Amino acid sequence: MATIIAQQLSAGLTQRSRTVRPRSVASKARASVRVGAVAAARPNFFPGTTPPKHLDGTMPGDYGFDPLGLGEDKVALEWYKQAELQHARWAMLGVTGMAAPELIQNPFVEGAMPNWAEAPLWDGYMASPNTLFVVQMFMMNWAEVRRWQDMKNPGTMNEDPLTGANKGDTNTDVGYPKGLFDPMGMAKDPEKVKVLKVKEIANGRLAMVAVMGCIIQNEATGVGPIANLKAHLADPAHNTIFTNFVPIQF
């Protein structure tokens, strides 16, 4: 009798293991597929490689690029994020400022506007360059201090102390103010905001590269980006970076 019971128990355990094992393998396979799908959907600057653990894809424009591991410190990473965003926005304005003087004329002053490299020394402004510089320093200091405080305590700088705008705004998304800075209400749709954030940082990174290109062009040719573009379009075979390259004199 004991032998029969032992045989039945052994058969039952064997049957259970046979039924359980395929389920375990199947569940692992499904998990593997899910992980593979997420990895495939995650944009990566170097396809086939694994992004660093501290870059989880939640930041706009995160393509897993951090070869020096600078973002491993979470606190530093937040500062780097805001620094890149601010530089990107300034670069987009900078490229516009570099190209605009060559495309338009000043309606209040006779003659063409100066090249961007000569603009600081131009004498056609409404005030002296030194006066404008001091005014800009005071205004930029006020804006930058408030931005710094908002990074330290997100949401505390939403209300404008001069106009009272954004009063009661509870937004804590640092670097992306709403209210007064979103007159068209484009930030109301969260999914649309994600797309716009990626587009902004992508265009900003391109603008930072473009600013560097404009600086190098001016050092090599002595003219602005539009003049360089027109010269290249007029003779693409001869007016290139190689034919116009001149070593910078130090």
Protein backbone atom coordinates (compact mmCIF):
# COMPACT_ATOMS: atom_id res chain seq x y z
CA MET A 1 0.00 0.00 0.00
CA ALA A 2 2.79 2.40 0.95
CA THR A 3 4.51 1.61 -2.33
CA ILE A 4 1.37 2.41 -4.33
CA ILE A 5 0.85 5.71 -2.50
CA ALA A 6 4.48 6.69 -3.07
CA GLN A 7 4.15 5.89 -6.76
CA GLN A 8 0.99 7.98 -7.05
CA LEU A 9 2.59 10.93 -5.23
CA SER A 10 5.64 10.70 -7.46
CA ALA A 11 3.46 10.62 -10.56
CA GLY A 12 1.45 13.62 -9.32
CA LEU A 13 4.55 15.67 -8.60
CA THR A 14 6.01 14.79 -11.97
CA GLN A 15 2.79 15.80 -13.70
CA ARG A 16 2.71 19.11 -11.80
CA SER A 17 6.27 19.88 -12.70
CA ARG A 18 5.48 19.18 -16.32
CA THR A 19 2.52 21.51 -16.27
CA VAL A 20 4.23 24.24 -14.25
CA ARG A 21 7.52 24.28 -16.13
CA PRO A 22 6.04 25.31 -19.50
CA ARG A 23 4.12 28.13 -17.77
CA SER A 24 7.34 29.38 -16.18
CA VAL A 25 9.17 29.28 -19.50
CA ALA A 26 6.25 30.98 -21.23
CA SER A 27 6.09 33.73 -18.63
CA LYS A 28 9.83 34.32 -18.94
CA ALA A 29 9.49 34.44 -22.70
CA ARG A 30 6.69 37.00 -22.44
CA ALA A 31 8.74 39.10 -20.04
CA SER A 32 11.69 38.90 -22.38
CA VAL A 33 9.53 40.04 -25.27
CA ARG A 34 8.22 42.97 -23.23
CA VAL A 35 11.73 44.04 -22.23
CA GLY A 36 12.90 43.67 -25.81
CA ALA A 37 9.99 45.74 -27.07
CA VAL A 38 10.74 48.52 -24.58
CA ALA A 39 14.42 48.47 -25.50
CA ALA A 40 13.54 48.60 -29.19
CA ALA A 41 11.12 51.50 -28.67
CA ARG A 42 13.66 53.49 -26.64
CA PRO A 43 15.65 55.79 -28.96
CA ASN A 44 19.39 55.27 -28.59
CA PHE A 45 22.25 57.29 -30.09
CA PHE A 46 24.14 54.05 -30.73
CA PRO A 47 21.70 51.30 -31.82
CA GLY A 48 22.44 47.95 -30.28
CA THR A 49 24.03 49.29 -27.11
CA THR A 50 22.47 49.50 -23.66
CA PRO A 51 21.84 53.04 -22.35
CA PRO A 52 23.26 53.94 -18.91
CA LYS A 53 21.01 53.11 -15.98
CA HIS A 54 20.80 56.75 -14.88
CA LEU A 55 19.34 57.69 -18.26
CA ASP A 56 15.96 55.98 -18.21
CA GLY A 57 14.41 57.82 -21.17
CA THR A 58 12.14 60.07 -19.12
CA MET A 59 13.97 63.31 -19.99
CA PRO A 60 13.15 65.03 -23.29
CA GLY A 61 15.75 64.17 -25.91
CA ASP A 62 17.31 61.37 -23.84
CA TYR A 63 19.10 59.08 -26.28
CA GLY A 64 21.36 57.40 -23.74
CA PHE A 65 24.40 59.57 -24.55
CA ASP A 66 26.66 60.03 -21.54
CA PRO A 67 30.09 58.51 -22.33
CA LEU A 68 31.76 60.27 -19.37
CA GLY A 69 29.06 59.32 -16.87
CA LEU A 70 28.47 62.94 -15.85
CA GLY A 71 24.80 62.28 -15.15
CA GLU A 72 25.31 59.54 -12.59
CA ASP A 73 24.84 62.13 -9.86
CA LYS A 74 21.08 62.75 -9.89
CA VAL A 75 21.38 66.26 -8.44
CA ALA A 76 24.01 67.24 -11.00
CA LEU A 77 21.92 65.69 -13.78
CA GLU A 78 19.02 68.03 -13.00
CA TRP A 79 21.36 71.03 -13.24
CA TYR A 80 22.84 69.73 -16.51
CA LYS A 81 19.33 69.33 -17.88
CA GLN A 82 18.42 72.93 -17.12
CA ALA A 83 21.78 74.21 -18.37
CA GLU A 84 21.35 72.44 -21.71
CA LEU A 85 17.77 73.68 -22.05
CA GLN A 86 18.82 77.27 -21.35
CA HIS A 87 21.78 77.12 -23.73
CA ALA A 88 19.56 75.59 -26.40
CA ARG A 89 17.05 78.41 -26.16
CA TRP A 90 19.76 81.07 -26.24
CA ALA A 91 21.35 79.36 -29.23
CA MET A 92 18.07 79.41 -31.17
CA LEU A 93 17.76 83.14 -30.47
CA GLY A 94 21.44 83.58 -31.29
CA VAL A 95 21.20 81.96 -34.72
CA THR A 96 18.23 84.19 -35.49
CA GLY A 97 20.21 87.24 -34.37
CA MET A 98 23.19 86.21 -36.47
CA ALA A 99 21.18 85.77 -39.65
CA ALA A 100 18.52 88.49 -39.30
CA PRO A 101 20.79 91.55 -39.77
CA GLU A 102 21.83 90.24 -43.19
CA LEU A 103 18.24 89.57 -44.24
CA ILE A 104 16.49 92.74 -43.09
CA GLN A 105 17.21 96.44 -42.90
CA ASN A 106 16.74 98.70 -39.89
CA PRO A 107 13.74 100.94 -40.67
CA PHE A 108 14.89 103.58 -38.16
CA VAL A 109 18.49 103.89 -39.33
CA GLU A 110 19.86 104.51 -42.80
CA GLY A 111 22.07 101.85 -44.33
CA ALA A 112 22.47 98.17 -43.71
CA MET A 113 22.60 96.67 -40.24
CA PRO A 114 26.03 95.46 -39.10
CA ASN A 115 27.31 91.92 -39.22
CA TRP A 116 26.64 90.06 -35.97
CA ALA A 117 30.35 90.09 -35.08
CA GLU A 118 30.47 93.87 -35.48
CA ALA A 119 27.16 94.55 -33.72
CA PRO A 120 28.68 95.23 -30.26
CA LEU A 121 30.70 98.13 -31.70
CA TRP A 122 27.90 99.59 -33.83
CA ASP A 123 27.05 103.24 -33.08
CA GLY A 124 23.46 103.16 -34.31
CA TYR A 125 21.77 102.02 -31.09
CA MET A 126 19.44 104.21 -29.05
CA ALA A 127 22.05 104.33 -26.27
CA SER A 128 25.76 103.73 -25.88
CA PRO A 129 26.97 100.11 -25.81
CA ASN A 130 28.14 100.52 -22.19
CA THR A 131 24.70 101.76 -21.10
CA LEU A 132 22.94 98.89 -22.84
CA PHE A 133 25.38 96.42 -21.28
CA VAL A 134 24.71 97.67 -17.73
CA VAL A 135 20.93 97.62 -18.26
CA GLN A 136 21.14 94.11 -19.67
CA MET A 137 23.23 92.92 -16.72
CA PHE A 138 20.65 94.18 -14.20
CA MET A 139 17.71 92.69 -16.10
CA MET A 140 19.45 89.36 -16.71
CA ASN A 141 20.53 89.15 -13.08
CA TRP A 142 16.91 89.55 -11.93
CA ALA A 143 15.70 86.87 -14.35
CA GLU A 144 18.53 84.44 -13.66
CA VAL A 145 18.22 84.69 -9.86
CA ARG A 146 14.52 83.87 -10.11
CA ARG A 147 15.28 80.94 -12.41
CA TRP A 148 17.90 79.65 -9.97
CA GLN A 149 15.44 79.91 -7.06
CA ASP A 150 12.85 78.00 -9.08
CA MET A 151 15.38 75.22 -9.67
CA LYS A 152 16.05 75.02 -5.91
CA ASN A 153 12.36 75.17 -4.96
CA PRO A 154 10.20 74.26 -7.98
CA GLY A 155 7.02 76.28 -8.25
CA THR A 156 7.99 79.06 -5.83
CA MET A 157 8.71 81.57 -8.59
CA ASN A 158 5.53 81.10 -10.62
CA GLU A 159 3.92 84.40 -9.64
CA ASP A 160 5.34 87.51 -11.29
CA PRO A 161 6.12 90.00 -8.48
CA LEU A 162 5.69 92.97 -10.83
CA THR A 163 2.38 92.15 -12.53
CA GLY A 164 0.94 89.40 -10.35
CA ALA A 165 0.65 87.12 -13.38
CA ASN A 166 0.55 83.35 -12.81
CA LYS A 167 -0.77 83.83 -9.27
CA GLY A 168 -1.93 80.52 -7.85
CA ASP A 169 -0.12 78.54 -10.53
CA THR A 170 0.99 75.17 -9.08
CA ASN A 171 3.25 74.19 -11.96
CA THR A 172 6.49 72.54 -10.72
CA ASP A 173 7.92 71.55 -14.10
CA VAL A 174 11.20 73.45 -13.91
CA GLY A 175 12.22 75.06 -17.17
CA TYR A 176 8.74 74.88 -18.68
CA PRO A 177 6.66 77.72 -17.20
CA LYS A 178 3.04 77.93 -18.17
CA GLY A 179 0.49 80.68 -17.66
CA LEU A 180 1.98 83.93 -18.96
CA PHE A 181 4.54 81.97 -21.00
CA ASP A 182 1.88 79.84 -22.70
CA PRO A 183 -0.60 82.34 -24.18
CA MET A 184 -1.79 79.83 -26.80
CA GLY A 185 -2.47 77.10 -24.25
CA MET A 186 -0.22 74.59 -25.98
CA ALA A 187 0.77 72.98 -22.67
CA LYS A 188 -2.75 71.84 -21.77
CA ASP A 189 -2.39 68.47 -23.50
CA PRO A 190 0.25 66.37 -21.63
CA GLU A 191 0.93 64.13 -24.62
CA LYS A 192 1.42 67.11 -26.90
CA VAL A 193 3.78 68.66 -24.34
CA LYS A 194 6.03 65.58 -24.46
CA VAL A 195 6.35 65.89 -28.23
CA LEU A 196 7.00 69.64 -28.07
CA LYS A 197 9.71 69.18 -25.43
CA VAL A 198 11.58 66.72 -27.63
CA LYS A 199 11.25 69.00 -30.67
CA GLU A 200 12.50 72.00 -28.69
CA ILE A 201 15.62 70.30 -27.34
CA ALA A 202 16.38 68.76 -30.75
CA ASN A 203 16.17 72.15 -32.46
CA GLY A 204 18.15 73.71 -29.62
CA ARG A 205 20.99 71.22 -29.97
CA LEU A 206 21.10 71.87 -33.70
CA ALA A 207 21.15 75.61 -33.00
CA MET A 208 24.12 75.24 -30.64
CA VAL A 209 26.05 73.51 -33.41
CA ALA A 210 24.92 76.21 -35.87
CA VAL A 211 26.19 78.99 -33.58
CA MET A 212 29.59 77.33 -33.45
CA GLY A 213 29.53 77.07 -37.25
CA CYS A 214 28.72 80.78 -37.60
CA ILE A 215 31.61 81.69 -35.30
CA ILE A 216 34.07 79.54 -37.26
CA GLN A 217 32.77 80.90 -40.57
CA ASN A 218 33.24 84.49 -39.44
CA GLU A 219 36.79 83.79 -38.29
CA ALA A 220 37.63 82.12 -41.61
CA THR A 221 35.82 84.39 -44.09
CA GLY A 222 35.10 87.61 -42.21
CA VAL A 223 31.42 87.66 -43.25
CA GLY A 224 28.15 86.43 -41.80
CA PRO A 225 26.27 83.16 -42.37
CA ILE A 226 23.92 84.50 -45.06
CA ALA A 227 26.81 85.92 -47.11
CA ASN A 228 28.60 82.60 -46.80
CA LEU A 229 25.48 80.71 -47.86
CA LYS A 230 24.95 82.96 -50.90
CA ALA A 231 28.58 82.54 -51.94
CA HIS A 232 28.31 78.76 -51.67
CA LEU A 233 25.06 78.62 -53.65
CA ALA A 234 26.60 80.81 -56.36
CA ASP A 235 29.56 78.45 -56.80
CA PRO A 236 29.09 75.22 -54.82
CA ALA A 237 32.15 73.56 -56.35
CA HIS A 238 34.64 76.19 -55.21
CA ASN A 239 33.13 78.03 -52.24
CA THR A 240 33.27 75.32 -49.59
CA ILE A 241 34.69 74.84 -46.13
CA PHE A 242 37.84 73.34 -47.66
CA THR A 243 38.62 76.15 -50.13
CA ASN A 244 37.89 78.91 -47.60
CA PHE A 245 39.63 77.36 -44.64
CA VAL A 246 42.14 79.68 -43.00
CA PRO A 247 43.99 78.73 -39.80
CA ILE A 248 43.04 80.96 -36.89
CA GLN A 249 45.91 83.17 -35.84
CA PHE A 250 46.61 83.22 -32.11
